[in-house]
């Protein structure tokens, strides 16, 4: 695992096709930094609850607020940064080794997650203390 910082988690904008019938936004592999292996969506999250609360060892994820809005707290063990997602055409790339917590979900929010890998529990770091310990062993990108 490389040692990414919170500033390596950047915004990505997907192309839009607009006409009188509405807008079509397209997510294809050529605009993502990885081959798509898994998609899932999160919805029905109460405003006082959060999702995430983990880091990935190897997988990269892109998050989109398809409907509504939410915040993503990014943490690289040294610095923290909060990103607000509300535009369905703007995604946030979550690099491996970055702790993330999704919260402040607006009612009706749908979050789409696009992953570089299939579900693999061994790729998750779910303990914040283990996350900090793993960060200490990593090299800078």
N, C-alpha and C. Protein backbone atom coordinates (compact mmCIF):
# COMPACT_ATOMS: atom_id res chain seq x y z
N UNK A 1 0.85 -1.18 0.00
CA UNK A 1 0.00 0.00 0.00
C UNK A 1 0.89 1.24 0.00
N UNK A 2 0.60 2.17 -0.88
CA UNK A 2 1.32 3.43 -0.95
C UNK A 2 0.76 4.39 0.10
N UNK A 3 1.55 5.38 0.43
CA UNK A 3 1.12 6.34 1.45
C UNK A 3 0.57 7.59 0.77
N UNK A 4 -0.73 7.58 0.53
CA UNK A 4 -1.41 8.73 -0.05
C UNK A 4 -1.76 9.73 1.05
N UNK A 5 -1.93 10.99 0.66
CA UNK A 5 -2.40 12.00 1.60
C UNK A 5 -3.85 12.34 1.26
N UNK A 6 -4.48 13.10 2.15
CA UNK A 6 -5.86 13.51 1.89
C UNK A 6 -5.97 14.35 0.63
N UNK A 7 -4.86 14.99 0.23
CA UNK A 7 -4.89 15.83 -0.96
C UNK A 7 -4.78 15.03 -2.26
N UNK A 8 -4.49 13.73 -2.14
CA UNK A 8 -4.52 12.84 -3.31
C UNK A 8 -5.95 12.38 -3.60
N UNK A 9 -6.86 12.65 -2.69
CA UNK A 9 -8.28 12.34 -2.89
C UNK A 9 -8.88 13.55 -3.59
N UNK A 10 -9.05 13.43 -4.87
CA UNK A 10 -9.44 14.59 -5.68
C UNK A 10 -10.81 14.39 -6.31
N UNK A 11 -11.32 15.50 -6.82
CA UNK A 11 -12.62 15.50 -7.49
C UNK A 11 -12.45 15.00 -8.92
N UNK A 12 -13.46 14.30 -9.39
CA UNK A 12 -13.53 13.88 -10.78
C UNK A 12 -14.90 14.32 -11.30
N UNK A 13 -14.93 14.81 -12.53
CA UNK A 13 -16.18 15.27 -13.14
C UNK A 13 -16.52 14.35 -14.30
N UNK A 14 -17.74 13.84 -14.30
CA UNK A 14 -18.17 12.95 -15.39
C UNK A 14 -18.84 13.78 -16.48
N UNK A 15 -18.71 13.34 -17.73
CA UNK A 15 -19.34 14.07 -18.84
C UNK A 15 -20.86 14.03 -18.75
N UNK A 16 -21.48 15.10 -19.24
CA UNK A 16 -22.94 15.19 -19.27
C UNK A 16 -23.42 15.45 -20.70
N UNK A 17 -24.54 14.86 -21.02
CA UNK A 17 -25.21 15.12 -22.29
C UNK A 17 -26.57 15.70 -21.94
N UNK A 18 -26.79 16.96 -22.32
CA UNK A 18 -28.04 17.64 -21.95
C UNK A 18 -28.84 18.01 -23.19
N UNK A 19 -30.15 17.82 -23.09
CA UNK A 19 -31.07 18.31 -24.11
C UNK A 19 -32.42 18.54 -23.45
N UNK A 20 -33.45 18.78 -24.25
CA UNK A 20 -34.76 19.10 -23.70
C UNK A 20 -35.38 17.95 -22.90
N UNK A 21 -34.84 16.74 -23.04
CA UNK A 21 -35.36 15.57 -22.32
C UNK A 21 -34.72 15.40 -20.95
N UNK A 22 -33.68 16.18 -20.67
CA UNK A 22 -32.99 16.06 -19.39
C UNK A 22 -31.50 15.86 -19.59
N UNK A 23 -30.87 15.37 -18.56
CA UNK A 23 -29.41 15.21 -18.55
C UNK A 23 -29.03 13.75 -18.36
N UNK A 24 -28.05 13.32 -19.13
CA UNK A 24 -27.48 11.99 -19.01
C UNK A 24 -26.02 12.17 -18.60
N UNK A 25 -25.65 11.63 -17.45
CA UNK A 25 -24.26 11.67 -16.99
C UNK A 25 -23.66 10.28 -17.16
N UNK A 26 -22.43 10.22 -17.67
CA UNK A 26 -21.83 8.95 -18.06
C UNK A 26 -20.57 8.67 -17.23
N UNK A 27 -20.55 7.50 -16.58
CA UNK A 27 -19.36 7.06 -15.85
C UNK A 27 -18.77 5.89 -16.63
N UNK A 28 -17.60 6.09 -17.19
CA UNK A 28 -16.91 5.05 -17.94
C UNK A 28 -15.49 4.90 -17.40
N UNK A 29 -14.90 3.74 -17.66
CA UNK A 29 -13.56 3.48 -17.15
C UNK A 29 -12.52 4.47 -17.64
N UNK A 30 -12.72 5.06 -18.83
CA UNK A 30 -11.70 5.96 -19.35
C UNK A 30 -11.59 7.26 -18.56
N UNK A 31 -12.55 7.57 -17.69
CA UNK A 31 -12.44 8.77 -16.86
C UNK A 31 -12.07 8.43 -15.41
N UNK A 32 -12.07 7.14 -15.08
CA UNK A 32 -11.70 6.71 -13.74
C UNK A 32 -10.26 6.22 -13.73
N UNK A 33 -9.59 6.29 -12.57
CA UNK A 33 -8.19 5.86 -12.50
C UNK A 33 -8.04 4.34 -12.30
N UNK A 34 -9.09 3.58 -12.61
CA UNK A 34 -9.05 2.13 -12.42
C UNK A 34 -10.14 1.47 -13.25
N UNK A 35 -10.02 0.15 -13.37
CA UNK A 35 -11.05 -0.67 -14.01
C UNK A 35 -12.17 -0.90 -12.99
N UNK A 36 -13.40 -0.71 -13.41
CA UNK A 36 -14.55 -0.88 -12.51
C UNK A 36 -14.79 -2.36 -12.23
N UNK A 37 -14.77 -2.71 -10.94
CA UNK A 37 -15.01 -4.09 -10.52
C UNK A 37 -16.30 -4.25 -9.70
N UNK A 38 -16.74 -3.14 -9.07
CA UNK A 38 -17.92 -3.24 -8.21
C UNK A 38 -18.59 -1.88 -8.10
N UNK A 39 -19.92 -1.90 -8.09
CA UNK A 39 -20.75 -0.72 -7.85
C UNK A 39 -21.70 -1.05 -6.71
N UNK A 40 -21.91 -0.08 -5.83
CA UNK A 40 -22.97 -0.24 -4.84
C UNK A 40 -23.50 1.14 -4.49
N UNK A 41 -24.70 1.17 -3.91
CA UNK A 41 -25.24 2.46 -3.51
C UNK A 41 -25.73 2.39 -2.08
N UNK A 42 -25.69 3.56 -1.45
CA UNK A 42 -26.08 3.73 -0.05
C UNK A 42 -27.25 4.70 -0.03
N UNK A 43 -28.31 4.35 0.69
CA UNK A 43 -29.46 5.24 0.78
C UNK A 43 -30.19 4.99 2.09
N UNK A 44 -31.10 5.88 2.43
CA UNK A 44 -31.90 5.72 3.64
C UNK A 44 -31.10 5.92 4.92
N UNK A 45 -30.00 6.66 4.85
CA UNK A 45 -29.17 6.88 6.04
C UNK A 45 -29.78 8.01 6.88
N UNK A 46 -30.13 7.75 8.13
CA UNK A 46 -30.65 8.83 8.99
C UNK A 46 -29.60 9.93 9.17
N UNK A 47 -30.06 11.15 9.32
CA UNK A 47 -29.15 12.31 9.40
C UNK A 47 -28.14 12.18 10.53
N UNK A 48 -28.50 11.52 11.62
CA UNK A 48 -27.60 11.42 12.76
C UNK A 48 -26.71 10.17 12.72
N UNK A 49 -26.69 9.47 11.60
CA UNK A 49 -25.86 8.26 11.46
C UNK A 49 -24.77 8.51 10.42
N UNK A 50 -23.78 7.62 10.41
CA UNK A 50 -22.71 7.74 9.42
C UNK A 50 -22.45 6.39 8.76
N UNK A 51 -21.75 6.45 7.66
CA UNK A 51 -21.32 5.25 6.93
C UNK A 51 -19.80 5.33 6.80
N UNK A 52 -19.21 4.27 6.32
CA UNK A 52 -17.76 4.26 6.18
C UNK A 52 -17.13 3.95 7.52
N UNK A 53 -16.20 4.80 7.93
CA UNK A 53 -15.48 4.53 9.17
C UNK A 53 -14.46 3.42 8.97
N UNK A 54 -13.76 3.48 7.83
CA UNK A 54 -12.74 2.49 7.51
C UNK A 54 -11.81 3.04 6.43
N UNK A 55 -10.76 2.29 6.16
CA UNK A 55 -9.86 2.58 5.04
C UNK A 55 -9.68 1.28 4.27
N UNK A 56 -9.28 1.41 3.02
CA UNK A 56 -8.94 0.24 2.21
C UNK A 56 -7.43 0.13 2.10
N UNK A 57 -6.93 -1.09 2.06
CA UNK A 57 -5.50 -1.31 1.89
C UNK A 57 -5.07 -1.10 0.45
N UNK A 58 -5.83 -1.62 -0.50
CA UNK A 58 -5.44 -1.57 -1.91
C UNK A 58 -6.49 -0.95 -2.83
N UNK A 59 -7.74 -1.07 -2.49
CA UNK A 59 -8.81 -0.62 -3.39
C UNK A 59 -8.98 0.89 -3.39
N UNK A 60 -9.37 1.38 -4.56
CA UNK A 60 -9.72 2.79 -4.75
C UNK A 60 -11.23 2.85 -4.97
N UNK A 61 -11.85 3.89 -4.44
CA UNK A 61 -13.30 4.09 -4.55
C UNK A 61 -13.57 5.50 -5.04
N UNK A 62 -14.60 5.65 -5.86
CA UNK A 62 -15.09 6.98 -6.21
C UNK A 62 -16.52 7.08 -5.71
N UNK A 63 -16.81 8.14 -4.95
CA UNK A 63 -18.14 8.38 -4.39
C UNK A 63 -18.85 9.49 -5.15
N UNK A 64 -20.14 9.29 -5.39
CA UNK A 64 -20.99 10.30 -6.04
C UNK A 64 -22.25 10.48 -5.21
N UNK A 65 -22.71 11.72 -5.08
CA UNK A 65 -24.02 12.00 -4.49
C UNK A 65 -25.01 12.04 -5.66
N UNK A 66 -25.59 10.91 -5.98
CA UNK A 66 -26.50 10.81 -7.12
C UNK A 66 -27.76 11.63 -6.87
N UNK A 67 -28.20 11.66 -5.62
CA UNK A 67 -29.34 12.49 -5.21
C UNK A 67 -29.04 12.98 -3.81
N UNK A 68 -29.37 14.23 -3.52
CA UNK A 68 -29.15 14.77 -2.19
C UNK A 68 -27.69 15.16 -1.97
N UNK A 69 -27.28 15.09 -0.70
CA UNK A 69 -25.92 15.51 -0.35
C UNK A 69 -25.45 14.82 0.92
N UNK A 70 -24.13 14.80 1.09
CA UNK A 70 -23.51 14.28 2.30
C UNK A 70 -22.08 14.80 2.37
N UNK A 71 -21.46 14.61 3.53
CA UNK A 71 -20.07 15.03 3.72
C UNK A 71 -19.18 13.81 3.87
N UNK A 72 -17.94 13.96 3.42
CA UNK A 72 -16.95 12.91 3.56
C UNK A 72 -15.78 13.49 4.35
N UNK A 73 -15.47 12.89 5.50
CA UNK A 73 -14.31 13.29 6.28
C UNK A 73 -13.16 12.39 5.86
N UNK A 74 -12.10 13.00 5.35
CA UNK A 74 -10.91 12.28 4.92
C UNK A 74 -9.83 12.44 5.99
N UNK A 75 -9.09 11.38 6.25
CA UNK A 75 -8.08 11.39 7.31
C UNK A 75 -6.91 10.53 6.84
N UNK A 76 -5.71 11.13 6.80
CA UNK A 76 -4.53 10.35 6.41
C UNK A 76 -3.62 10.05 7.60
N UNK A 77 -4.14 10.28 8.80
CA UNK A 77 -3.35 10.03 10.00
C UNK A 77 -2.61 11.26 10.49
N UNK A 78 -2.40 12.23 9.60
CA UNK A 78 -1.74 13.49 9.96
C UNK A 78 -2.66 14.68 9.81
N UNK A 79 -3.47 14.64 8.78
CA UNK A 79 -4.37 15.75 8.47
C UNK A 79 -5.77 15.22 8.18
N UNK A 80 -6.75 16.10 8.39
CA UNK A 80 -8.13 15.76 8.08
C UNK A 80 -8.69 16.84 7.16
N UNK A 81 -9.62 16.42 6.32
CA UNK A 81 -10.27 17.36 5.40
C UNK A 81 -11.69 16.88 5.17
N UNK A 82 -12.62 17.82 5.12
CA UNK A 82 -14.02 17.49 4.88
C UNK A 82 -14.39 17.93 3.46
N UNK A 83 -15.07 17.04 2.74
CA UNK A 83 -15.52 17.31 1.37
C UNK A 83 -17.03 17.15 1.33
N UNK A 84 -17.70 18.11 0.74
CA UNK A 84 -19.16 18.11 0.62
C UNK A 84 -19.53 17.67 -0.79
N UNK A 85 -20.33 16.61 -0.91
CA UNK A 85 -20.77 16.13 -2.22
C UNK A 85 -22.26 16.40 -2.38
N UNK A 86 -22.61 17.05 -3.50
CA UNK A 86 -24.02 17.37 -3.77
C UNK A 86 -24.36 17.36 -5.25
N UNK A 87 -23.37 17.32 -6.11
CA UNK A 87 -23.57 17.37 -7.56
C UNK A 87 -23.37 15.96 -8.12
N UNK A 88 -24.38 15.38 -8.76
CA UNK A 88 -24.26 13.99 -9.23
C UNK A 88 -23.18 13.79 -10.29
N UNK A 89 -22.68 14.86 -10.89
CA UNK A 89 -21.63 14.70 -11.91
C UNK A 89 -20.23 14.86 -11.34
N UNK A 90 -20.13 15.13 -10.04
CA UNK A 90 -18.82 15.30 -9.40
C UNK A 90 -18.61 14.20 -8.38
N UNK A 91 -17.56 13.43 -8.59
CA UNK A 91 -17.22 12.35 -7.68
C UNK A 91 -15.97 12.67 -6.89
N UNK A 92 -15.75 11.93 -5.83
CA UNK A 92 -14.56 12.07 -5.00
C UNK A 92 -13.80 10.77 -5.03
N UNK A 93 -12.54 10.83 -5.47
CA UNK A 93 -11.69 9.64 -5.50
C UNK A 93 -11.10 9.43 -4.11
N UNK A 94 -11.40 8.28 -3.51
CA UNK A 94 -10.82 7.89 -2.22
C UNK A 94 -9.67 6.94 -2.49
N UNK A 95 -8.47 7.37 -2.20
CA UNK A 95 -7.28 6.56 -2.43
C UNK A 95 -7.14 5.50 -1.32
N UNK A 96 -6.41 4.42 -1.60
CA UNK A 96 -6.15 3.43 -0.56
C UNK A 96 -5.40 4.07 0.61
N UNK A 97 -5.66 3.56 1.80
CA UNK A 97 -4.94 4.05 2.97
C UNK A 97 -5.45 5.36 3.52
N UNK A 98 -6.61 5.81 3.06
CA UNK A 98 -7.23 7.02 3.58
C UNK A 98 -8.47 6.62 4.37
N UNK A 99 -8.53 7.03 5.62
CA UNK A 99 -9.70 6.76 6.46
C UNK A 99 -10.81 7.70 6.03
N UNK A 100 -12.02 7.18 5.86
CA UNK A 100 -13.14 8.04 5.44
C UNK A 100 -14.38 7.72 6.25
N UNK A 101 -15.12 8.79 6.56
CA UNK A 101 -16.40 8.68 7.24
C UNK A 101 -17.39 9.54 6.47
N UNK A 102 -18.53 8.96 6.10
CA UNK A 102 -19.59 9.67 5.39
C UNK A 102 -20.67 10.02 6.40
N UNK A 103 -21.05 11.32 6.45
CA UNK A 103 -22.09 11.70 7.40
C UNK A 103 -22.86 12.92 6.90
N UNK A 104 -23.75 13.41 7.75
CA UNK A 104 -24.62 14.55 7.42
C UNK A 104 -25.40 14.31 6.13
N UNK A 105 -25.99 13.14 6.04
CA UNK A 105 -26.80 12.79 4.87
C UNK A 105 -28.10 13.58 4.87
N UNK A 106 -28.35 14.29 3.79
CA UNK A 106 -29.64 14.97 3.60
C UNK A 106 -30.70 13.89 3.35
N UNK A 107 -31.94 14.14 3.77
CA UNK A 107 -33.03 13.19 3.52
C UNK A 107 -33.14 12.91 2.03
N UNK A 108 -33.28 11.66 1.66
CA UNK A 108 -33.42 11.27 0.26
C UNK A 108 -32.11 11.09 -0.48
N UNK A 109 -30.99 11.19 0.21
CA UNK A 109 -29.69 11.08 -0.45
C UNK A 109 -29.43 9.66 -0.93
N UNK A 110 -28.85 9.56 -2.13
CA UNK A 110 -28.36 8.30 -2.67
C UNK A 110 -26.90 8.51 -3.02
N UNK A 111 -26.03 7.70 -2.42
CA UNK A 111 -24.59 7.73 -2.69
C UNK A 111 -24.25 6.53 -3.56
N UNK A 112 -23.58 6.78 -4.68
CA UNK A 112 -23.09 5.70 -5.54
C UNK A 112 -21.60 5.55 -5.28
N UNK A 113 -21.15 4.31 -5.05
CA UNK A 113 -19.73 4.02 -4.87
C UNK A 113 -19.28 3.12 -6.02
N UNK A 114 -18.19 3.51 -6.66
CA UNK A 114 -17.59 2.75 -7.76
C UNK A 114 -16.23 2.28 -7.25
N UNK A 115 -15.99 0.96 -7.28
CA UNK A 115 -14.77 0.40 -6.70
C UNK A 115 -13.87 -0.26 -7.72
N UNK A 116 -12.58 -0.29 -7.37
CA UNK A 116 -11.58 -0.93 -8.21
C UNK A 116 -11.48 -2.43 -7.95
N UNK A 117 -12.16 -2.93 -6.93
CA UNK A 117 -12.08 -4.35 -6.61
C UNK A 117 -13.40 -4.90 -6.13
N UNK A 118 -13.53 -6.21 -6.21
CA UNK A 118 -14.70 -6.89 -5.66
C UNK A 118 -14.63 -6.82 -4.14
N UNK A 119 -15.75 -7.09 -3.48
CA UNK A 119 -15.74 -7.06 -2.01
C UNK A 119 -14.72 -8.06 -1.49
N UNK A 120 -13.87 -7.58 -0.58
CA UNK A 120 -12.84 -8.41 0.04
C UNK A 120 -12.61 -7.88 1.45
N UNK A 121 -13.14 -8.57 2.43
CA UNK A 121 -13.03 -8.10 3.82
C UNK A 121 -11.58 -7.88 4.24
N UNK A 122 -10.65 -8.66 3.69
CA UNK A 122 -9.25 -8.50 4.08
C UNK A 122 -8.64 -7.19 3.57
N UNK A 123 -9.32 -6.48 2.67
CA UNK A 123 -8.84 -5.20 2.17
C UNK A 123 -9.24 -4.04 3.09
N UNK A 124 -10.10 -4.29 4.06
CA UNK A 124 -10.59 -3.24 4.95
C UNK A 124 -9.72 -3.10 6.19
N UNK A 125 -9.52 -1.87 6.62
CA UNK A 125 -8.97 -1.56 7.94
C UNK A 125 -10.11 -0.90 8.69
N UNK A 126 -10.67 -1.60 9.67
CA UNK A 126 -11.87 -1.11 10.35
C UNK A 126 -11.57 -0.53 11.75
N UNK A 127 -10.36 -0.69 12.22
CA UNK A 127 -9.95 -0.13 13.51
C UNK A 127 -9.10 1.11 13.25
N UNK A 128 -9.48 2.22 13.87
CA UNK A 128 -8.72 3.46 13.67
C UNK A 128 -7.30 3.33 14.22
N UNK A 129 -7.12 2.63 15.32
CA UNK A 129 -5.78 2.44 15.87
C UNK A 129 -4.91 1.62 14.92
N UNK A 130 -5.47 0.57 14.32
CA UNK A 130 -4.72 -0.21 13.33
C UNK A 130 -4.42 0.62 12.08
N UNK A 131 -5.36 1.47 11.70
CA UNK A 131 -5.14 2.38 10.58
C UNK A 131 -3.93 3.27 10.84
N UNK A 132 -3.88 3.89 12.02
CA UNK A 132 -2.75 4.76 12.35
C UNK A 132 -1.44 3.98 12.37
N UNK A 133 -1.46 2.77 12.90
CA UNK A 133 -0.26 1.94 12.93
C UNK A 133 0.19 1.57 11.52
N UNK A 134 -0.76 1.26 10.64
CA UNK A 134 -0.40 0.90 9.26
C UNK A 134 0.17 2.10 8.52
N UNK A 135 -0.32 3.29 8.80
CA UNK A 135 0.18 4.51 8.14
C UNK A 135 1.64 4.75 8.51
N UNK A 136 2.02 4.43 9.73
CA UNK A 136 3.39 4.65 10.19
C UNK A 136 4.39 3.78 9.43
N UNK A 137 3.93 2.66 8.87
CA UNK A 137 4.81 1.73 8.16
C UNK A 137 4.93 2.01 6.67
N UNK A 138 4.12 2.93 6.15
CA UNK A 138 4.07 3.16 4.71
C UNK A 138 5.10 4.17 4.23
N UNK A 139 5.41 4.08 2.93
CA UNK A 139 6.30 5.04 2.29
C UNK A 139 5.47 6.05 1.54
N UNK A 140 6.03 7.24 1.37
CA UNK A 140 5.35 8.28 0.59
C UNK A 140 5.21 7.82 -0.85
N UNK A 141 4.16 8.30 -1.53
CA UNK A 141 3.92 7.98 -2.95
C UNK A 141 4.98 8.66 -3.78
